[in-house]
Amino acid sequence: GPNAASLQNDTVRLKWTALTGIIEYDYQLDTVYFWKSMASGVTSTLFGTSVVDENHAWIAGAGGLVLFNDGTSWTEQESTLSTDLYNVKFLDASNGWAVGKGGKIVYFNGNVWAEQPSGTTNDLLSVHMLDANNGWAVGKSGTVLYFNGSAWSSQYTATRDLNTVFALD
């Protein structure tokens, strides 16, 4: 941590040796000086996270598992999902999407998870939403889907698997 909480230069430099065969790096930077370990209470594989604020966080996982954190502990959310969910994105506590195996897309309205037709059977690996009317999901075989507020549709097909997506506008 900072030297006795004194002002410090916040310039950060990340440096690593590239590994062959790796097509993506993912890193997380925290502005506090320690990580807080929290037990999830499950043994399932966990894949993706979305944090809205200190009282609203979600994790998607194997077998349709979705965990919610209220700032103190993780609890499993009720759902009828059984498909692996690889990524999750929440805009706020009442608008969240998760994507996964076989083209699965599900939406959380603040109370329940409901499936949204994706139009693909390709595994979807990442989702990013700008707002409730604009979002993208990407995945295997170069799948790129766009959400217009009411339906998902194919927008583009790349020549290789797409592991993550992020949009600014």
C-alpha atoms as a PDB file:
ATOM      1  CA  GLY A   1       0.000   0.000   0.000  1.00  0.00           C
ATOM      2  CA  PRO A   2       0.940   3.644  -0.200  1.00  0.00           C
ATOM      3  CA  ASN A   3       3.601   4.769   2.245  1.00  0.00           C
ATOM      4  CA  ALA A   4       1.639   5.632   5.418  1.00  0.00           C
ATOM      5  CA  ALA A   5      -1.301   6.782   3.241  1.00  0.00           C
ATOM      6  CA  SER A   6       0.813   9.597   1.809  1.00  0.00           C
ATOM      7  CA  LEU A   7       0.260  10.937  -1.694  1.00  0.00           C
ATOM      8  CA  GLN A   8       1.950   8.734  -4.274  1.00  0.00           C
ATOM      9  CA  ASN A   9       2.396   8.794  -8.018  1.00  0.00           C
ATOM     10  CA  ASP A  10      -0.469   6.711  -9.465  1.00  0.00           C
ATOM     11  CA  THR A  11       1.241   5.887 -12.756  1.00  0.00           C
ATOM     12  CA  VAL A  12       1.029   2.150 -13.298  1.00  0.00           C
ATOM     13  CA  ARG A  13       3.164   0.200 -15.728  1.00  0.00           C
ATOM     14  CA  LEU A  14       2.220  -3.348 -16.650  1.00  0.00           C
ATOM     15  CA  LYS A  15       4.980  -5.426 -18.187  1.00  0.00           C
ATOM     16  CA  TRP A  16       5.065  -9.123 -18.981  1.00  0.00           C
ATOM     17  CA  THR A  17       6.672 -11.591 -21.321  1.00  0.00           C
ATOM     18  CA  ALA A  18       4.299 -12.663 -24.083  1.00  0.00           C
ATOM     19  CA  LEU A  19       3.385 -16.346 -24.180  1.00  0.00           C
ATOM     20  CA  THR A  20       3.022 -18.133 -27.492  1.00  0.00           C
ATOM     21  CA  GLY A  21      -0.471 -19.374 -28.267  1.00  0.00           C
ATOM     22  CA  ILE A  22      -2.146 -16.767 -26.051  1.00  0.00           C
ATOM     23  CA  ILE A  23      -4.592 -14.528 -27.894  1.00  0.00           C
ATOM     24  CA  GLU A  24      -5.929 -12.506 -24.978  1.00  0.00           C
ATOM     25  CA  TYR A  25      -4.719 -11.070 -21.690  1.00  0.00           C
ATOM     26  CA  ASP A  26      -7.149 -10.172 -18.933  1.00  0.00           C
ATOM     27  CA  TYR A  27      -6.115  -8.195 -15.886  1.00  0.00           C
ATOM     28  CA  GLN A  28      -7.814  -6.468 -13.001  1.00  0.00           C
ATOM     29  CA  LEU A  29      -6.514  -3.452 -11.134  1.00  0.00           C
ATOM     30  CA  ASP A  30      -7.849  -2.511  -7.743  1.00  0.00           C
ATOM     31  CA  THR A  31      -7.331   0.885  -6.131  1.00  0.00           C
ATOM     32  CA  VAL A  32      -7.265  -0.461  -2.592  1.00  0.00           C
ATOM     33  CA  TYR A  33      -4.099  -1.912  -1.137  1.00  0.00           C
ATOM     34  CA  PHE A  34      -5.425  -5.395  -0.455  1.00  0.00           C
ATOM     35  CA  TRP A  35      -7.741  -8.021  -1.911  1.00  0.00           C
ATOM     36  CA  LYS A  36     -10.559  -9.339   0.222  1.00  0.00           C
ATOM     37  CA  SER A  37     -11.109 -13.056  -0.144  1.00  0.00           C
ATOM     38  CA  MET A  38     -14.747 -14.200   0.023  1.00  0.00           C
ATOM     39  CA  ALA A  39     -15.992 -17.776  -0.084  1.00  0.00           C
ATOM     40  CA  SER A  40     -18.531 -18.334  -2.859  1.00  0.00           C
ATOM     41  CA  GLY A  41     -20.144 -21.277  -1.095  1.00  0.00           C
ATOM     42  CA  VAL A  42     -20.123 -23.367  -4.288  1.00  0.00           C
ATOM     43  CA  THR A  43     -17.753 -25.826  -5.917  1.00  0.00           C
ATOM     44  CA  SER A  44     -18.931 -25.181  -9.491  1.00  0.00           C
ATOM     45  CA  THR A  45     -16.631 -23.550 -12.035  1.00  0.00           C
ATOM     46  CA  LEU A  46     -17.137 -19.782 -12.144  1.00  0.00           C
ATOM     47  CA  PHE A  47     -16.559 -17.947 -15.437  1.00  0.00           C
ATOM     48  CA  GLY A  48     -17.578 -14.273 -15.543  1.00  0.00           C
ATOM     49  CA  THR A  49     -18.330 -11.360 -13.227  1.00  0.00           C
ATOM     50  CA  SER A  50     -20.177  -8.060 -13.334  1.00  0.00           C
ATOM     51  CA  VAL A  51     -20.012  -5.448 -10.590  1.00  0.00           C
ATOM     52  CA  VAL A  52     -22.390  -2.471 -10.481  1.00  0.00           C
ATOM     53  CA  ASP A  53     -21.352  -1.135  -7.087  1.00  0.00           C
ATOM     54  CA  GLU A  54     -20.250  -2.385  -3.656  1.00  0.00           C
ATOM     55  CA  ASN A  55     -23.714  -3.873  -3.015  1.00  0.00           C
ATOM     56  CA  HIS A  56     -24.503  -5.420  -6.408  1.00  0.00           C
ATOM     57  CA  ALA A  57     -22.221  -8.005  -8.015  1.00  0.00           C
ATOM     58  CA  TRP A  58     -22.881 -11.175  -9.992  1.00  0.00           C
ATOM     59  CA  ILE A  59     -20.904 -14.224 -11.089  1.00  0.00           C
ATOM     60  CA  ALA A  60     -21.951 -16.598 -13.887  1.00  0.00           C
ATOM     61  CA  GLY A  61     -20.840 -20.207 -13.916  1.00  0.00           C
ATOM     62  CA  ALA A  62     -21.181 -23.825 -14.925  1.00  0.00           C
ATOM     63  CA  GLY A  63     -24.603 -25.435 -15.110  1.00  0.00           C
ATOM     64  CA  GLY A  64     -26.433 -22.104 -15.225  1.00  0.00           C
ATOM     65  CA  LEU A  65     -25.158 -21.027 -11.828  1.00  0.00           C
ATOM     66  CA  VAL A  66     -25.593 -17.327 -11.029  1.00  0.00           C
ATOM     67  CA  LEU A  67     -24.336 -15.939  -7.729  1.00  0.00           C
ATOM     68  CA  PHE A  68     -25.276 -12.515  -6.323  1.00  0.00           C
ATOM     69  CA  ASN A  69     -23.294 -10.498  -3.797  1.00  0.00           C
ATOM     70  CA  ASP A  70     -25.031  -7.845  -1.700  1.00  0.00           C
ATOM     71  CA  GLY A  71     -21.780  -6.478  -0.306  1.00  0.00           C
ATOM     72  CA  THR A  72     -21.450  -9.047   2.444  1.00  0.00           C
ATOM     73  CA  SER A  73     -21.940 -12.554   1.037  1.00  0.00           C
ATOM     74  CA  TRP A  74     -22.612 -14.588  -2.112  1.00  0.00           C
ATOM     75  CA  THR A  75     -25.998 -16.260  -2.595  1.00  0.00           C
ATOM     76  CA  GLU A  76     -27.214 -18.432  -5.436  1.00  0.00           C
ATOM     77  CA  GLN A  77     -29.977 -16.835  -7.488  1.00  0.00           C
ATOM     78  CA  GLU A  78     -33.065 -18.859  -8.288  1.00  0.00           C
ATOM     79  CA  SER A  79     -33.187 -19.953 -11.906  1.00  0.00           C
ATOM     80  CA  THR A  80     -34.212 -22.830 -14.117  1.00  0.00           C
ATOM     81  CA  LEU A  81     -30.985 -22.549 -16.108  1.00  0.00           C
ATOM     82  CA  SER A  82     -28.831 -25.607 -16.655  1.00  0.00           C
ATOM     83  CA  THR A  83     -26.518 -24.363 -19.413  1.00  0.00           C
ATOM     84  CA  ASP A  84     -22.987 -23.095 -18.692  1.00  0.00           C
ATOM     85  CA  LEU A  85     -22.942 -19.292 -18.565  1.00  0.00           C
ATOM     86  CA  TYR A  86     -19.568 -17.851 -19.577  1.00  0.00           C
ATOM     87  CA  ASN A  87     -20.071 -14.128 -19.082  1.00  0.00           C
ATOM     88  CA  VAL A  88     -22.459 -11.675 -17.429  1.00  0.00           C
ATOM     89  CA  LYS A  89     -22.997  -7.914 -17.735  1.00  0.00           C
ATOM     90  CA  PHE A  90     -25.224  -5.734 -15.546  1.00  0.00           C
ATOM     91  CA  LEU A  91     -26.114  -2.106 -16.210  1.00  0.00           C
ATOM     92  CA  ASP A  92     -27.790  -1.686 -12.829  1.00  0.00           C
ATOM     93  CA  ALA A  93     -29.549  -3.906 -10.283  1.00  0.00           C
ATOM     94  CA  SER A  94     -32.513  -4.430 -12.632  1.00  0.00           C
ATOM     95  CA  ASN A  95     -30.873  -4.975 -16.027  1.00  0.00           C
ATOM     96  CA  GLY A  96     -28.455  -7.840 -16.563  1.00  0.00           C
ATOM     97  CA  TRP A  97     -27.593 -10.296 -19.321  1.00  0.00           C
ATOM     98  CA  ALA A  98     -25.661 -13.571 -19.247  1.00  0.00           C
ATOM     99  CA  VAL A  99     -24.433 -15.580 -22.242  1.00  0.00           C
ATOM    100  CA  GLY A 100     -23.206 -19.116 -22.617  1.00  0.00           C
ATOM    101  CA  LYS A 101     -23.065 -22.523 -24.175  1.00  0.00           C
ATOM    102  CA  GLY A 102     -25.119 -23.267 -27.264  1.00  0.00           C
ATOM    103  CA  GLY A 103     -25.999 -19.604 -27.878  1.00  0.00           C
ATOM    104  CA  LYS A 104     -27.789 -19.184 -24.557  1.00  0.00           C
ATOM    105  CA  ILE A 105     -28.729 -15.592 -23.630  1.00  0.00           C
ATOM    106  CA  VAL A 106     -30.689 -14.820 -20.487  1.00  0.00           C
ATOM    107  CA  TYR A 107     -31.916 -11.478 -19.120  1.00  0.00           C
ATOM    108  CA  PHE A 108     -32.452 -10.493 -15.473  1.00  0.00           C
ATOM    109  CA  ASN A 109     -35.110  -7.819 -14.842  1.00  0.00           C
ATOM    110  CA  GLY A 110     -34.388  -7.373 -11.141  1.00  0.00           C
ATOM    111  CA  ASN A 111     -36.581 -10.314 -10.133  1.00  0.00           C
ATOM    112  CA  VAL A 112     -36.231 -13.286 -12.509  1.00  0.00           C
ATOM    113  CA  TRP A 113     -33.991 -14.636 -15.262  1.00  0.00           C
ATOM    114  CA  ALA A 114     -35.666 -15.194 -18.638  1.00  0.00           C
ATOM    115  CA  GLU A 115     -34.251 -16.594 -21.871  1.00  0.00           C
ATOM    116  CA  GLN A 116     -33.909 -14.342 -24.924  1.00  0.00           C
ATOM    117  CA  PRO A 117     -33.631 -16.054 -28.335  1.00  0.00           C
ATOM    118  CA  SER A 118     -30.141 -15.565 -29.783  1.00  0.00           C
ATOM    119  CA  GLY A 119     -30.607 -17.095 -33.220  1.00  0.00           C
ATOM    120  CA  THR A 120     -27.377 -19.110 -32.897  1.00  0.00           C
ATOM    121  CA  THR A 121     -26.217 -22.390 -31.409  1.00  0.00           C
ATOM    122  CA  ASN A 122     -22.587 -21.228 -31.231  1.00  0.00           C
ATOM    123  CA  ASP A 123     -21.219 -20.801 -27.721  1.00  0.00           C
ATOM    124  CA  LEU A 124     -21.351 -17.143 -26.674  1.00  0.00           C
ATOM    125  CA  LEU A 125     -18.315 -16.139 -24.621  1.00  0.00           C
ATOM    126  CA  SER A 126     -18.838 -12.462 -23.808  1.00  0.00           C
ATOM    127  CA  VAL A 127     -21.548  -9.812 -23.611  1.00  0.00           C
ATOM    128  CA  HIS A 128     -21.357  -6.035 -23.239  1.00  0.00           C
ATOM    129  CA  MET A 129     -24.288  -3.652 -22.968  1.00  0.00           C
ATOM    130  CA  LEU A 130     -24.139   0.113 -23.452  1.00  0.00           C
ATOM    131  CA  ASP A 131     -27.705   0.503 -22.233  1.00  0.00           C
ATOM    132  CA  ALA A 132     -30.935  -1.502 -22.280  1.00  0.00           C
ATOM    133  CA  ASN A 133     -31.302  -0.874 -26.032  1.00  0.00           C
ATOM    134  CA  ASN A 134     -27.769  -1.483 -27.315  1.00  0.00           C
ATOM    135  CA  GLY A 135     -25.550  -4.468 -26.660  1.00  0.00           C
ATOM    136  CA  TRP A 136     -23.294  -7.061 -28.251  1.00  0.00           C
ATOM    137  CA  ALA A 137     -22.523 -10.717 -27.632  1.00  0.00           C
ATOM    138  CA  VAL A 138     -19.621 -12.579 -29.239  1.00  0.00           C
ATOM    139  CA  GLY A 139     -18.392 -16.135 -29.319  1.00  0.00           C
ATOM    140  CA  LYS A 140     -17.261 -19.226 -31.150  1.00  0.00           C
ATOM    141  CA  SER A 141     -16.909 -19.304 -34.936  1.00  0.00           C
ATOM    142  CA  GLY A 142     -16.699 -15.501 -35.025  1.00  0.00           C
ATOM    143  CA  THR A 143     -20.285 -14.937 -33.889  1.00  0.00           C
ATOM    144  CA  VAL A 144     -21.226 -11.289 -33.335  1.00  0.00           C
ATOM    145  CA  LEU A 145     -24.783 -10.543 -32.188  1.00  0.00           C
ATOM    146  CA  TYR A 146     -26.401  -7.135 -31.647  1.00  0.00           C
ATOM    147  CA  PHE A 147     -29.284  -6.341 -29.276  1.00  0.00           C
ATOM    148  CA  ASN A 148     -31.567  -3.450 -30.280  1.00  0.00           C
ATOM    149  CA  GLY A 149     -33.687  -3.329 -27.139  1.00  0.00           C
ATOM    150  CA  SER A 150     -36.137  -6.002 -28.217  1.00  0.00           C
ATOM    151  CA  ALA A 151     -34.263  -8.753 -30.099  1.00  0.00           C
ATOM    152  CA  TRP A 152     -30.814 -10.196 -30.768  1.00  0.00           C
ATOM    153  CA  SER A 153     -29.659 -10.536 -34.387  1.00  0.00           C
ATOM    154  CA  SER A 154     -26.506 -11.555 -36.199  1.00  0.00           C
ATOM    155  CA  GLN A 155     -24.443  -8.464 -37.012  1.00  0.00           C
ATOM    156  CA  TYR A 156     -21.218  -9.931 -38.339  1.00  0.00           C
ATOM    157  CA  THR A 157     -19.247 -13.162 -38.551  1.00  0.00           C
ATOM    158  CA  ALA A 158     -15.500 -13.029 -37.956  1.00  0.00           C
ATOM    159  CA  THR A 159     -12.996 -15.610 -39.149  1.00  0.00           C
ATOM    160  CA  ARG A 160     -12.010 -16.809 -35.656  1.00  0.00           C
ATOM    161  CA  ASP A 161     -13.472 -17.282 -32.205  1.00  0.00           C
ATOM    162  CA  LEU A 162     -14.141 -14.019 -30.350  1.00  0.00           C
ATOM    163  CA  ASN A 163     -13.484 -14.236 -26.621  1.00  0.00           C
ATOM    164  CA  THR A 164     -14.522 -10.815 -25.380  1.00  0.00           C
ATOM    165  CA  VAL A 165     -16.341  -7.666 -26.420  1.00  0.00           C
ATOM    166  CA  PHE A 166     -16.404  -4.087 -25.148  1.00  0.00           C
ATOM    167  CA  ALA A 167     -18.129  -1.107 -26.741  1.00  0.00           C
ATOM    168  CA  LEU A 168     -17.964   2.636 -26.086  1.00  0.00           C
ATOM    169  CA  ASP A 169     -20.882   3.757 -28.241  1.00  0.00           C
END
